[in-house]
N, C-alpha and C. Protein backbone atom coordinates (compact mmCIF):
# COMPACT_ATOMS: atom_id res chain seq x y z
N MET A 1 0.81 -1.01 0.22
CA MET A 1 0.08 0.15 0.48
C MET A 1 1.03 1.13 0.23
N ARG A 2 0.77 2.11 -1.01
CA ARG A 2 0.97 3.74 -0.87
C ARG A 2 1.09 4.38 1.01
N THR A 3 1.61 5.26 0.93
CA THR A 3 1.71 6.13 2.18
C THR A 3 0.38 6.59 1.79
N PRO A 4 0.15 7.39 3.55
CA PRO A 4 -0.71 8.36 2.96
C PRO A 4 -0.28 9.95 2.46
N PHE A 5 0.72 9.90 2.63
CA PHE A 5 1.40 11.53 1.34
C PHE A 5 1.45 11.03 0.70
N GLU A 6 1.54 10.23 -0.26
CA GLU A 6 1.66 9.02 -1.23
C GLU A 6 0.87 9.77 -1.80
N ILE A 7 -0.78 8.57 -1.37
CA ILE A 7 -2.10 9.07 -1.66
C ILE A 7 -2.54 10.57 -1.82
N ILE A 8 -2.52 10.91 -0.66
CA ILE A 8 -3.13 12.44 -0.64
C ILE A 8 -2.38 13.10 -1.94
N ALA A 9 -1.14 13.10 -1.95
CA ALA A 9 -0.71 13.84 -3.00
C ALA A 9 -1.33 13.75 -4.21
N SER A 10 -1.14 12.65 -5.01
CA SER A 10 -1.79 11.87 -5.57
C SER A 10 -3.39 12.28 -6.51
N LEU A 11 -3.74 12.61 -5.23
CA LEU A 11 -5.23 12.82 -5.50
C LEU A 11 -5.47 14.43 -5.43
N GLY A 12 -4.32 15.81 -5.35
CA GLY A 12 -4.28 16.51 -4.73
C GLY A 12 -4.57 17.59 -4.37
N LEU A 13 -5.36 16.89 -3.01
CA LEU A 13 -6.03 16.99 -1.71
C LEU A 13 -4.24 17.77 -0.74
N ALA A 14 -5.31 18.76 0.20
CA ALA A 14 -4.85 19.94 0.84
C ALA A 14 -3.27 18.44 1.81
N LYS A 15 -2.07 19.11 1.91
CA LYS A 15 -1.08 18.88 2.32
C LYS A 15 -1.54 18.46 4.00
N PRO A 16 -1.21 17.32 4.98
CA PRO A 16 -1.47 17.74 5.94
C PRO A 16 -0.54 17.66 6.99
N GLN A 17 -0.98 19.09 8.25
CA GLN A 17 -0.24 19.74 8.78
C GLN A 17 0.75 19.34 9.55
N GLY A 18 -0.59 18.18 10.68
CA GLY A 18 -0.34 18.04 11.86
C GLY A 18 -0.31 16.30 12.09
N ILE A 19 0.47 16.19 12.83
CA ILE A 19 -0.49 14.58 12.94
C ILE A 19 -1.11 14.79 14.59
N LEU A 20 -1.88 13.52 14.23
CA LEU A 20 -2.51 12.81 15.66
C LEU A 20 -2.18 11.32 16.24
N GLN A 21 -1.25 10.85 16.74
CA GLN A 21 -1.07 9.64 16.67
C GLN A 21 -1.07 8.97 17.75
N VAL A 22 -2.12 8.11 17.73
CA VAL A 22 -2.57 7.17 18.76
C VAL A 22 -1.88 5.96 18.96
N GLY A 23 -1.13 5.81 19.45
CA GLY A 23 -0.35 4.26 19.16
C GLY A 23 0.60 4.45 19.08
N ALA A 24 1.73 5.55 19.44
CA ALA A 24 3.23 6.20 18.81
C ALA A 24 4.17 4.89 19.44
N ASN A 25 3.96 4.22 20.01
CA ASN A 25 5.16 3.24 21.20
C ASN A 25 6.17 4.12 21.62
N THR A 26 7.64 4.01 20.71
CA THR A 26 8.83 4.39 20.54
C THR A 26 8.91 5.70 19.89
N GLY A 27 8.08 5.65 19.11
CA GLY A 27 8.15 6.44 18.07
C GLY A 27 9.12 6.22 16.87
N GLN A 28 8.71 5.69 16.54
CA GLN A 28 9.39 4.37 15.23
C GLN A 28 9.00 5.28 13.68
N GLU A 29 7.98 6.37 13.90
CA GLU A 29 7.49 7.42 12.85
C GLU A 29 7.63 8.62 12.39
N ILE A 30 8.36 8.72 13.30
CA ILE A 30 9.07 10.39 13.46
C ILE A 30 9.82 11.46 12.50
N ASP A 31 11.06 10.11 12.31
CA ASP A 31 11.21 10.76 10.68
C ASP A 31 11.05 10.66 9.94
N TYR A 32 10.09 9.39 9.25
CA TYR A 32 9.29 9.73 8.33
C TYR A 32 8.22 10.97 8.36
N PHE A 33 7.70 11.52 9.23
CA PHE A 33 6.46 12.41 9.57
C PHE A 33 7.56 13.53 9.08
N LEU A 34 8.33 14.24 9.89
CA LEU A 34 9.71 14.55 9.40
C LEU A 34 9.75 15.20 8.08
N GLN A 35 10.05 13.80 7.23
CA GLN A 35 10.49 13.78 5.97
C GLN A 35 9.79 14.71 5.34
N ASN A 36 8.67 14.26 5.55
CA ASN A 36 7.32 14.78 4.60
C ASN A 36 6.59 15.92 5.27
N GLY A 37 7.20 16.01 6.32
CA GLY A 37 7.07 18.03 5.82
C GLY A 37 5.84 18.27 7.21
N ILE A 38 5.50 17.56 8.16
CA ILE A 38 4.82 17.39 9.69
C ILE A 38 5.89 18.46 10.49
N ALA A 39 5.53 19.51 10.55
CA ALA A 39 5.86 20.25 11.69
C ALA A 39 5.42 20.00 13.34
N HIS A 40 4.09 19.36 13.36
CA HIS A 40 3.22 19.26 14.14
C HIS A 40 2.75 18.20 14.66
N ALA A 41 3.25 17.45 15.60
CA ALA A 41 2.50 16.24 15.95
C ALA A 41 1.71 16.05 17.91
N VAL A 42 0.82 14.94 18.32
CA VAL A 42 0.86 14.96 19.03
C VAL A 42 1.18 13.53 19.06
N LEU A 43 1.86 12.76 19.63
CA LEU A 43 2.13 11.13 19.38
C LEU A 43 1.69 10.63 21.32
N ILE A 44 0.91 9.65 21.19
CA ILE A 44 0.08 8.86 22.19
C ILE A 44 1.01 7.75 22.62
N GLU A 45 0.91 7.53 23.68
CA GLU A 45 1.05 6.09 24.00
C GLU A 45 1.32 5.52 25.40
N PRO A 46 0.61 5.06 25.59
CA PRO A 46 0.27 4.97 26.75
C PRO A 46 1.28 4.25 27.89
N LEU A 47 1.92 2.99 27.66
CA LEU A 47 3.33 2.62 28.15
C LEU A 47 3.93 3.80 28.88
N GLU A 48 4.77 3.23 30.03
CA GLU A 48 5.71 3.73 30.40
C GLU A 48 7.12 3.54 30.13
N ALA A 49 7.09 2.22 29.59
CA ALA A 49 8.87 2.17 28.94
C ALA A 49 9.03 2.59 27.33
N PRO A 50 8.22 2.81 26.59
CA PRO A 50 8.88 2.53 24.99
C PRO A 50 8.30 4.19 24.83
N PHE A 51 7.33 5.04 26.38
CA PHE A 51 6.89 5.94 26.18
C PHE A 51 8.46 7.29 26.64
N GLN A 52 8.80 6.38 27.73
CA GLN A 52 9.96 7.40 27.74
C GLN A 52 11.07 7.28 26.42
N VAL A 53 11.19 6.28 25.32
CA VAL A 53 11.76 6.11 24.39
C VAL A 53 11.74 7.33 23.45
N LEU A 54 10.20 7.46 23.17
CA LEU A 54 9.31 8.53 22.44
C LEU A 54 9.62 9.53 23.26
N SER A 55 9.87 10.38 24.02
CA SER A 55 10.27 11.87 24.98
C SER A 55 11.52 11.93 24.90
N ALA A 56 12.25 11.30 24.78
CA ALA A 56 13.92 11.21 24.27
C ALA A 56 13.79 11.49 22.89
N ARG A 57 12.94 10.80 21.85
CA ARG A 57 13.61 10.59 20.97
C ARG A 57 12.67 12.13 20.66
N THR A 58 11.57 12.84 20.99
CA THR A 58 10.79 14.68 20.54
C THR A 58 11.10 15.26 21.37
N ALA A 59 12.47 15.12 22.08
CA ALA A 59 12.93 15.98 22.97
C ALA A 59 13.63 17.24 22.36
N ALA A 60 14.30 17.32 21.14
CA ALA A 60 14.64 18.26 20.36
C ALA A 60 14.11 18.48 19.17
N ILE A 61 12.66 18.21 19.03
CA ILE A 61 11.81 18.12 18.33
C ILE A 61 11.05 19.11 18.68
N PRO A 62 11.19 19.81 18.60
CA PRO A 62 9.88 21.93 18.06
C PRO A 62 8.63 21.59 17.52
N GLY A 63 7.37 21.58 18.42
CA GLY A 63 6.14 21.34 17.51
C GLY A 63 5.41 19.46 18.05
N TYR A 64 6.95 19.28 18.36
CA TYR A 64 6.47 17.65 18.72
C TYR A 64 6.14 17.24 20.00
N MET A 65 5.28 16.75 20.28
CA MET A 65 4.69 16.10 21.58
C MET A 65 4.21 15.33 22.27
N PRO A 66 4.88 14.76 22.63
CA PRO A 66 4.65 13.13 23.54
C PRO A 66 3.58 13.18 24.41
N VAL A 67 2.51 12.59 24.84
CA VAL A 67 1.62 11.80 25.46
C VAL A 67 1.51 10.62 26.35
N ASN A 68 1.53 11.46 27.54
CA ASN A 68 1.90 9.33 28.53
C ASN A 68 0.34 8.99 28.36
N VAL A 69 -0.98 8.70 27.87
CA VAL A 69 -1.90 8.76 28.32
C VAL A 69 -2.94 7.46 27.27
N LEU A 70 -3.49 6.61 27.71
CA LEU A 70 -4.60 5.39 26.91
C LEU A 70 -5.30 6.37 26.99
N CYS A 71 -6.16 6.18 25.51
CA CYS A 71 -7.39 6.50 25.07
C CYS A 71 -8.36 5.62 24.92
N GLY A 72 -9.54 5.66 24.78
CA GLY A 72 -10.59 5.41 25.55
C GLY A 72 -11.83 6.07 24.75
N SER A 73 -13.25 5.68 25.26
CA SER A 73 -14.26 5.40 24.79
C SER A 73 -15.43 7.15 25.96
N GLN A 74 -14.49 7.00 26.87
CA GLN A 74 -14.74 7.56 28.24
C GLN A 74 -14.05 8.01 29.28
N ASP A 75 -14.09 9.15 30.07
CA ASP A 75 -12.92 9.91 30.51
C ASP A 75 -12.90 9.28 32.17
N GLY A 76 -11.69 8.70 32.74
CA GLY A 76 -12.00 8.19 33.89
C GLY A 76 -11.64 6.96 33.44
N GLN A 77 -12.06 6.14 32.78
CA GLN A 77 -12.77 4.70 32.79
C GLN A 77 -11.26 3.98 33.50
N GLU A 78 -11.74 3.01 33.99
CA GLU A 78 -10.60 2.15 34.68
C GLU A 78 -10.29 1.07 33.81
N VAL A 79 -9.38 0.03 32.80
CA VAL A 79 -9.39 -0.84 31.88
C VAL A 79 -8.09 -1.89 32.44
N ASP A 80 -8.37 -3.31 31.72
CA ASP A 80 -7.78 -3.47 31.84
C ASP A 80 -7.02 -3.33 30.31
N PHE A 81 -5.15 -3.77 30.58
CA PHE A 81 -4.46 -3.23 29.60
C PHE A 81 -3.13 -4.46 29.27
N HIS A 82 -3.37 -5.35 27.86
CA HIS A 82 -2.63 -6.54 28.33
C HIS A 82 -1.40 -6.06 27.18
N ILE A 83 -0.10 -6.29 28.57
CA ILE A 83 0.79 -6.34 27.28
C ILE A 83 1.29 -7.21 26.83
N ALA A 84 1.62 -6.75 25.91
CA ALA A 84 2.74 -7.69 24.52
C ALA A 84 4.04 -7.55 24.47
N THR A 85 4.89 -8.70 24.48
CA THR A 85 6.42 -9.10 24.23
C THR A 85 7.43 -8.48 23.32
N ASN A 86 6.21 -7.63 22.36
CA ASN A 86 7.25 -7.31 21.17
C ASN A 86 7.19 -5.60 21.31
N ASN A 87 7.73 -5.19 22.53
CA ASN A 87 8.28 -4.04 22.95
C ASN A 87 7.40 -3.55 23.43
N GLY A 88 6.04 -3.60 23.26
CA GLY A 88 4.61 -3.49 23.67
C GLY A 88 3.95 -3.48 22.61
N GLU A 89 4.44 -3.30 21.64
CA GLU A 89 3.63 -3.03 20.00
C GLU A 89 2.32 -3.59 19.57
N SER A 90 1.78 -4.88 19.95
CA SER A 90 1.10 -5.29 19.95
C SER A 90 0.03 -5.43 21.17
N SER A 91 0.47 -4.65 22.20
CA SER A 91 -0.77 -4.21 23.53
C SER A 91 -1.86 -3.71 23.02
N SER A 92 -2.82 -4.34 23.98
CA SER A 92 -3.88 -3.28 23.75
C SER A 92 -5.17 -3.74 25.30
N MET A 93 -5.89 -2.67 24.79
CA MET A 93 -7.09 -3.00 25.75
C MET A 93 -8.16 -3.87 25.78
N LEU A 94 -7.72 -4.58 24.78
CA LEU A 94 -8.47 -5.77 24.60
C LEU A 94 -7.70 -7.27 24.58
N LYS A 95 -8.37 -8.24 24.97
CA LYS A 95 -8.00 -9.80 25.49
C LYS A 95 -7.53 -10.25 24.13
N PRO A 96 -6.10 -10.43 23.97
CA PRO A 96 -5.93 -10.77 23.03
C PRO A 96 -6.62 -12.52 22.34
N ALA A 97 -6.86 -13.07 20.93
CA ALA A 97 -7.86 -14.30 20.97
C ALA A 97 -6.72 -14.73 19.48
N ARG A 98 -6.95 -14.45 18.66
CA ARG A 98 -6.56 -15.17 17.68
C ARG A 98 -5.60 -14.81 17.31
N HIS A 99 -4.61 -13.72 18.21
CA HIS A 99 -3.32 -13.16 17.69
C HIS A 99 -2.61 -14.23 18.47
N LEU A 100 -2.98 -14.92 19.42
CA LEU A 100 -2.11 -15.85 19.69
C LEU A 100 -1.16 -17.12 18.94
N ALA A 101 -2.63 -17.33 18.19
CA ALA A 101 -2.12 -18.39 17.39
C ALA A 101 -1.67 -17.82 15.60
N ASP A 102 -1.92 -16.51 15.24
CA ASP A 102 -1.37 -15.95 14.04
C ASP A 102 -0.10 -15.73 14.07
N TYR A 103 0.44 -14.75 15.36
CA TYR A 103 1.54 -14.65 15.54
C TYR A 103 2.19 -15.65 17.13
N PRO A 104 2.29 -16.58 17.38
CA PRO A 104 2.60 -17.48 18.92
C PRO A 104 3.89 -16.14 19.20
N TRP A 105 5.17 -15.91 18.89
CA TRP A 105 6.36 -15.67 18.42
C TRP A 105 6.59 -14.55 19.63
N VAL A 106 4.60 -13.97 19.78
CA VAL A 106 4.49 -12.18 20.80
C VAL A 106 2.83 -12.93 21.55
N GLN A 107 3.75 -12.61 22.76
CA GLN A 107 3.13 -13.40 24.74
C GLN A 107 2.68 -11.97 24.60
N PHE A 108 1.45 -12.27 25.80
CA PHE A 108 1.04 -11.66 26.61
C PHE A 108 1.07 -11.59 28.54
N PRO A 109 2.34 -11.40 28.74
CA PRO A 109 2.58 -12.06 30.02
C PRO A 109 1.85 -11.34 31.33
N GLU A 110 1.36 -9.64 30.53
CA GLU A 110 0.92 -9.32 31.67
C GLU A 110 0.04 -8.42 31.51
N THR A 111 -0.67 -8.33 32.88
CA THR A 111 -2.18 -7.10 32.26
C THR A 111 -2.38 -6.22 33.32
N VAL A 112 -2.60 -4.70 33.42
CA VAL A 112 -2.29 -3.63 34.40
C VAL A 112 -3.48 -2.73 34.17
N ARG A 113 -3.55 -2.61 35.27
CA ARG A 113 -5.14 -1.54 34.82
C ARG A 113 -4.47 -0.22 34.81
N ILE A 114 -5.32 0.80 33.98
CA ILE A 114 -4.68 2.23 33.52
C ILE A 114 -5.90 3.19 33.36
N THR A 115 -6.25 3.58 33.34
CA THR A 115 -7.31 4.59 33.31
C THR A 115 -7.24 5.65 31.99
N GLY A 116 -8.39 5.34 31.29
CA GLY A 116 -7.78 5.91 30.00
C GLY A 116 -8.87 7.10 29.73
N PHE A 117 -8.62 7.75 28.78
CA PHE A 117 -9.33 9.38 28.76
C PHE A 117 -9.60 9.07 27.15
N THR A 118 -10.47 10.32 27.09
CA THR A 118 -11.13 10.33 25.55
C THR A 118 -9.52 11.40 24.89
N LEU A 119 -9.61 11.20 23.42
CA LEU A 119 -8.90 11.91 22.50
C LEU A 119 -9.70 13.30 22.75
N ASP A 120 -10.40 13.81 22.63
CA ASP A 120 -11.40 14.51 22.65
C ASP A 120 -10.85 16.09 23.79
N ARG A 121 -10.34 14.88 25.25
CA ARG A 121 -10.14 15.26 26.69
C ARG A 121 -8.49 15.81 26.97
N VAL A 122 -7.66 14.75 25.45
CA VAL A 122 -5.86 14.75 25.14
C VAL A 122 -6.26 16.28 23.97
N VAL A 123 -6.84 16.55 23.33
CA VAL A 123 -6.74 17.58 22.33
C VAL A 123 -7.02 18.92 23.10
N ALA A 124 -8.14 18.58 23.75
CA ALA A 124 -8.31 19.26 24.84
C ALA A 124 -7.60 20.23 25.55
N THR A 125 -6.45 19.17 26.06
CA THR A 125 -5.58 19.40 27.20
C THR A 125 -4.25 20.38 26.28
N VAL A 126 -4.19 19.54 24.86
CA VAL A 126 -3.20 20.04 24.50
C VAL A 126 -3.12 21.79 23.58
N LYS A 127 -4.58 22.00 23.49
CA LYS A 127 -4.96 23.06 22.96
C LYS A 127 -4.95 24.72 24.23
N SER A 128 -5.29 24.18 25.43
CA SER A 128 -4.85 24.81 26.44
C SER A 128 -3.37 25.26 26.43
N MET A 129 -2.42 24.77 26.39
CA MET A 129 -0.71 24.45 26.57
C MET A 129 -0.15 25.05 25.25
N HIS A 130 -0.72 24.53 24.09
CA HIS A 130 0.32 24.77 22.76
C HIS A 130 -0.68 24.49 21.73
N PRO A 131 -1.62 26.18 21.72
CA PRO A 131 -3.01 25.56 20.64
C PRO A 131 -2.09 26.29 19.01
N GLU A 132 -1.06 26.11 19.00
CA GLU A 132 -0.76 26.18 17.43
C GLU A 132 -0.65 24.30 17.18
N ILE A 133 -0.14 23.93 18.03
CA ILE A 133 0.00 22.50 18.07
C ILE A 133 -1.68 21.96 17.83
N ALA A 134 -2.40 22.27 18.45
CA ALA A 134 -3.87 21.82 18.49
C ALA A 134 -4.34 22.00 17.30
N GLN A 135 -4.26 23.10 16.77
CA GLN A 135 -4.87 23.26 15.42
C GLN A 135 -4.16 22.76 14.64
N SER A 136 -3.43 22.46 14.54
CA SER A 136 -3.23 22.44 13.00
C SER A 136 -3.00 20.89 12.81
N LEU A 137 -3.62 20.19 13.78
CA LEU A 137 -4.24 18.36 13.53
C LEU A 137 -5.20 17.87 12.52
N ASP A 138 -4.08 17.18 11.65
CA ASP A 138 -5.48 17.62 10.48
C ASP A 138 -5.40 15.61 10.12
N LEU A 139 -4.08 15.34 10.04
CA LEU A 139 -4.13 13.62 10.15
C LEU A 139 -3.87 13.06 11.45
N LEU A 140 -5.13 11.78 11.90
CA LEU A 140 -5.41 10.69 12.65
C LEU A 140 -4.44 9.87 12.68
N PHE A 141 -3.65 8.79 13.20
CA PHE A 141 -2.71 8.19 12.33
C PHE A 141 -3.20 7.44 14.08
N MET A 142 -3.70 6.25 13.52
CA MET A 142 -4.47 4.76 14.89
C MET A 142 -3.12 3.38 14.44
N ASP A 143 -2.69 3.06 15.94
CA ASP A 143 -2.14 1.61 16.09
C ASP A 143 -2.44 1.27 17.19
N VAL A 144 -4.18 0.71 17.36
CA VAL A 144 -4.59 0.48 18.67
C VAL A 144 -5.32 -0.93 18.56
N GLN A 145 -4.87 -1.73 18.30
CA GLN A 145 -4.81 -3.36 18.26
C GLN A 145 -5.78 -3.89 18.06
N GLY A 146 -7.27 -3.39 17.40
CA GLY A 146 -8.67 -3.39 17.42
C GLY A 146 -9.62 -2.53 17.96
N ALA A 147 -8.95 -1.63 18.80
CA ALA A 147 -9.71 -0.59 19.78
C ALA A 147 -10.19 1.08 19.04
N GLU A 148 -10.11 0.26 17.40
CA GLU A 148 -10.12 1.54 16.90
C GLU A 148 -11.94 2.54 17.22
N LEU A 149 -13.01 1.75 17.07
CA LEU A 149 -13.91 2.25 17.96
C LEU A 149 -13.99 2.89 18.63
N GLN A 150 -13.49 2.49 19.79
CA GLN A 150 -13.13 2.91 21.62
C GLN A 150 -12.52 4.05 21.46
N VAL A 151 -11.76 4.53 20.69
CA VAL A 151 -11.12 5.20 20.39
C VAL A 151 -11.83 6.63 19.90
N LEU A 152 -12.14 6.32 18.82
CA LEU A 152 -13.40 7.19 17.41
C LEU A 152 -14.54 8.15 18.65
N LYS A 153 -14.86 6.76 19.36
CA LYS A 153 -16.43 7.26 20.07
C LYS A 153 -15.81 8.43 21.41
N GLY A 154 -15.12 8.67 21.46
CA GLY A 154 -14.19 9.61 22.69
C GLY A 154 -13.90 10.26 21.91
N ALA A 155 -13.67 10.39 20.66
CA ALA A 155 -13.11 11.86 19.51
C ALA A 155 -14.17 12.42 18.91
N SER A 156 -14.81 13.18 19.58
CA SER A 156 -15.98 13.31 18.27
C SER A 156 -15.84 14.97 18.20
N ALA A 157 -15.55 15.89 19.22
CA ALA A 157 -15.47 16.96 19.01
C ALA A 157 -13.21 16.75 17.85
N THR A 158 -12.84 15.71 18.63
CA THR A 158 -11.59 15.94 17.08
C THR A 158 -12.15 15.77 15.64
N LEU A 159 -13.25 14.41 15.33
CA LEU A 159 -12.94 14.52 14.18
C LEU A 159 -13.78 15.23 13.64
N HIS A 160 -14.39 17.14 13.88
CA HIS A 160 -14.43 17.75 13.39
C HIS A 160 -13.32 18.99 12.64
N GLN A 161 -12.21 18.70 13.46
CA GLN A 161 -10.77 18.84 12.47
C GLN A 161 -10.13 18.34 11.75
N ILE A 162 -10.27 16.65 11.47
CA ILE A 162 -9.57 15.77 10.88
C ILE A 162 -10.12 15.25 9.74
N SER A 163 -9.17 15.45 8.58
CA SER A 163 -9.37 15.37 7.59
C SER A 163 -9.33 13.72 7.23
N TYR A 164 -8.65 13.33 7.56
CA TYR A 164 -7.65 11.69 7.05
C TYR A 164 -7.15 11.38 8.44
N ILE A 165 -7.59 9.81 7.61
CA ILE A 165 -7.44 9.39 9.16
C ILE A 165 -6.47 7.56 8.51
N TYR A 166 -5.48 7.72 9.25
CA TYR A 166 -4.84 6.06 8.61
C TYR A 166 -4.74 6.00 9.90
N THR A 167 -5.28 4.68 9.88
CA THR A 167 -5.06 3.42 10.96
C THR A 167 -5.14 1.77 10.35
N GLU A 168 -4.66 1.10 11.28
CA GLU A 168 -4.38 -0.46 11.10
C GLU A 168 -5.76 -0.90 11.21
N VAL A 169 -6.24 -1.95 10.63
CA VAL A 169 -6.97 -2.28 10.66
C VAL A 169 -7.50 -4.08 10.44
N GLY A 170 -8.27 -4.68 10.89
CA GLY A 170 -8.47 -5.60 10.74
C GLY A 170 -10.06 -6.58 10.51
N LEU A 171 -10.30 -7.77 10.70
CA LEU A 171 -11.37 -8.47 9.81
C LEU A 171 -11.96 -8.92 11.31
N GLY A 172 -11.71 -8.54 12.35
CA GLY A 172 -12.16 -9.42 13.47
C GLY A 172 -11.50 -10.35 14.12
N GLY A 173 -11.62 -10.43 14.82
CA GLY A 173 -11.56 -11.51 16.08
C GLY A 173 -9.94 -11.74 16.62
N GLY A 174 -9.31 -11.24 16.55
CA GLY A 174 -7.60 -11.40 16.74
C GLY A 174 -7.81 -10.71 17.80
N TYR A 175 -8.45 -9.63 18.49
CA TYR A 175 -8.74 -9.95 20.23
C TYR A 175 -10.12 -9.68 20.52
N GLU A 176 -10.08 -10.17 21.65
CA GLU A 176 -11.79 -10.38 22.03
C GLU A 176 -12.46 -8.67 21.69
N GLY A 177 -14.00 -8.71 20.99
CA GLY A 177 -14.60 -7.51 21.06
C GLY A 177 -14.01 -6.35 19.77
N ASP A 178 -12.74 -6.97 19.31
CA ASP A 178 -12.24 -5.98 18.38
C ASP A 178 -12.81 -4.90 17.37
N THR A 179 -12.96 -4.65 16.71
CA THR A 179 -13.29 -3.19 15.77
C THR A 179 -13.01 -4.33 14.23
N ASP A 180 -13.98 -4.55 13.24
CA ASP A 180 -14.65 -5.22 12.56
C ASP A 180 -14.12 -4.26 11.80
N LEU A 181 -13.47 -4.36 10.63
CA LEU A 181 -13.06 -3.19 9.44
C LEU A 181 -15.08 -2.59 9.14
N LEU A 182 -15.73 -2.99 8.74
CA LEU A 182 -16.79 -2.54 8.37
C LEU A 182 -17.69 -2.20 9.33
N ASP A 183 -17.26 -2.50 10.17
CA ASP A 183 -17.95 -1.69 11.12
C ASP A 183 -16.97 -0.46 11.78
N LEU A 184 -16.60 -0.40 10.88
CA LEU A 184 -15.18 0.59 11.53
C LEU A 184 -15.91 1.92 10.10
N MET A 185 -15.92 1.37 9.04
CA MET A 185 -16.01 2.07 7.43
C MET A 185 -17.42 2.54 8.06
N HIS A 186 -18.44 1.74 9.00
CA HIS A 186 -20.12 2.15 8.84
C HIS A 186 -19.83 3.68 9.72
N TYR A 187 -19.04 3.15 11.04
CA TYR A 187 -19.01 4.36 11.53
C TYR A 187 -18.72 5.68 11.23
N LEU A 188 -17.04 5.82 10.27
CA LEU A 188 -16.90 6.56 9.75
C LEU A 188 -17.27 7.44 9.19
N LYS A 189 -18.74 6.53 7.78
CA LYS A 189 -19.15 7.08 7.04
C LYS A 189 -20.23 8.57 7.25
N ALA A 190 -20.19 8.60 8.28
CA ALA A 190 -21.20 9.12 9.62
C ALA A 190 -20.29 10.17 10.05
N TRP A 191 -19.31 10.27 9.93
CA TRP A 191 -18.83 11.66 10.45
C TRP A 191 -17.60 12.16 8.89
N GLY A 192 -18.40 10.98 8.00
CA GLY A 192 -18.25 12.05 6.74
C GLY A 192 -16.78 11.70 5.49
N PHE A 193 -16.51 10.11 6.48
CA PHE A 193 -15.52 9.68 5.48
C PHE A 193 -15.89 8.48 4.97
N SER A 194 -15.04 8.54 4.04
CA SER A 194 -14.92 7.16 3.17
C SER A 194 -13.62 6.85 3.01
N LEU A 195 -13.80 4.83 2.95
CA LEU A 195 -12.21 4.49 2.44
C LEU A 195 -11.78 4.79 1.33
N TYR A 196 -10.38 5.38 1.06
CA TYR A 196 -10.16 5.59 -0.29
C TYR A 196 -8.80 4.37 -0.96
N GLU A 197 -8.09 3.81 0.48
CA GLU A 197 -7.13 3.06 0.13
C GLU A 197 -7.64 2.03 0.97
N LEU A 198 -6.86 0.52 0.95
CA LEU A 198 -6.64 -0.84 1.32
C LEU A 198 -6.02 -1.45 1.27
N GLU A 199 -4.89 -1.79 1.91
CA GLU A 199 -4.40 -3.25 2.13
C GLU A 199 -4.20 -3.69 3.05
N ILE A 200 -4.87 -5.46 3.40
CA ILE A 200 -5.36 -6.61 3.75
C ILE A 200 -3.96 -7.88 3.85
N ILE A 201 -3.62 -8.35 4.66
CA ILE A 201 -2.65 -9.43 4.54
C ILE A 201 -3.06 -10.99 5.39
N GLU A 202 -3.04 -12.10 5.38
CA GLU A 202 -3.52 -13.20 5.26
C GLU A 202 -4.20 -13.19 6.65
N THR A 203 -3.41 -13.26 7.66
CA THR A 203 -3.78 -13.42 9.10
C THR A 203 -4.80 -12.26 9.50
N GLY A 204 -5.34 -11.61 8.47
CA GLY A 204 -7.06 -10.56 8.87
C GLY A 204 -6.52 -8.76 8.87
N TRP A 205 -4.93 -8.67 8.73
CA TRP A 205 -4.36 -7.50 8.97
C TRP A 205 -4.35 -6.51 8.10
N GLY A 206 -4.34 -4.73 8.63
CA GLY A 206 -3.47 -4.73 7.40
C GLY A 206 -3.90 -2.80 7.94
N ASN A 207 -3.85 -1.77 6.53
CA ASN A 207 -4.33 -0.67 6.73
C ASN A 207 -4.65 0.80 5.66
N ALA A 208 -5.45 1.03 6.80
CA ALA A 208 -6.44 1.73 5.48
C ALA A 208 -5.80 3.16 5.77
N LEU A 209 -6.41 4.03 4.61
CA LEU A 209 -6.79 5.45 4.41
C LEU A 209 -8.05 6.19 3.90
N PHE A 210 -8.62 6.08 5.37
CA PHE A 210 -9.52 7.23 4.78
C PHE A 210 -9.94 8.84 4.91
N ILE A 211 -10.91 9.31 3.78
CA ILE A 211 -10.40 10.47 3.89
C ILE A 211 -12.08 11.27 4.07
N LYS A 212 -11.81 12.36 4.32
CA LYS A 212 -13.14 13.17 4.64
C LYS A 212 -13.90 14.19 3.38
N HIS A 213 -14.92 13.63 3.29
CA HIS A 213 -15.44 14.58 1.65
C HIS A 213 -15.70 15.80 2.51
N LEU A 214 -15.11 17.06 1.97
CA LEU A 214 -14.92 18.09 1.88
C LEU A 214 -15.98 18.80 0.87
N PRO A 215 -16.36 20.28 0.90
CA PRO A 215 -16.72 20.72 -0.17
C PRO A 215 -15.85 20.65 -1.22
N GLY A 216 -16.41 20.36 -2.58
CA GLY A 216 -14.99 21.00 -3.58
C GLY A 216 -14.04 19.50 -3.51
N SER A 217 -14.01 18.42 -2.45
CA SER A 217 -12.82 17.65 -2.99
C SER A 217 -13.08 16.10 -3.51
N LEU A 218 -12.64 15.48 -2.19
CA LEU A 218 -12.87 13.96 -3.08
C LEU A 218 -14.26 13.52 -3.13
N ASN A 219 -14.83 12.53 -3.47
CA ASN A 219 -16.01 12.14 -3.72
C ASN A 219 -15.77 10.49 -4.05
N ARG A 220 -15.12 9.52 -3.26
CA ARG A 220 -15.18 8.01 -4.14
C ARG A 220 -15.34 6.94 -2.52
N ASN A 221 -15.88 6.43 -3.71
CA ASN A 221 -16.21 5.23 -2.43
C ASN A 221 -15.47 3.78 -2.42
N VAL A 222 -14.92 2.72 -2.06
CA VAL A 222 -13.93 2.01 -2.32
C VAL A 222 -15.07 0.72 -2.31
């Protein structure tokens, strides 16, 4: 699959100005964001160990703000967070299911209780501290291991300013109660987003780019 920046450029649409990333881990995409001219980014990671690496990577980058929080559908809701052995990359607020069989080298030996907050709450907090960062966020970049709808249900205000959503997606069953691609498409359609490009591998996971149909912009479904 092409990168979101390649797709957006090929369509002649406005270049993203700021990244709102949920599930940033250690900041593996930071250089990629910088290479594509992203001056502002809010990078959200709930686990302390990868967050420390993320913080170190952003320390010398003005406009890049790391946030140590778990995003969910409600403010102040405690959830069980299942920690994966692959440096936390497969960790999720959902209990692993078929993921254990599809990726047997990834285990989930530890579960911790974490208090979650909505993406709206996070963005509002960023706005109060750095309005220039908050107002530029127009690309939502998600990797939340099946919890996409939980995050989006806590982002009703934020979605008004988002033009593009690039997210990991699944066909369901990787985690207990995870988000199915069709349910995600249905939910985002109500917010004016349509699926533009999609790639799925044999285990049922992949990536997708959703684009909001703004006046005078694209009007296409996949």
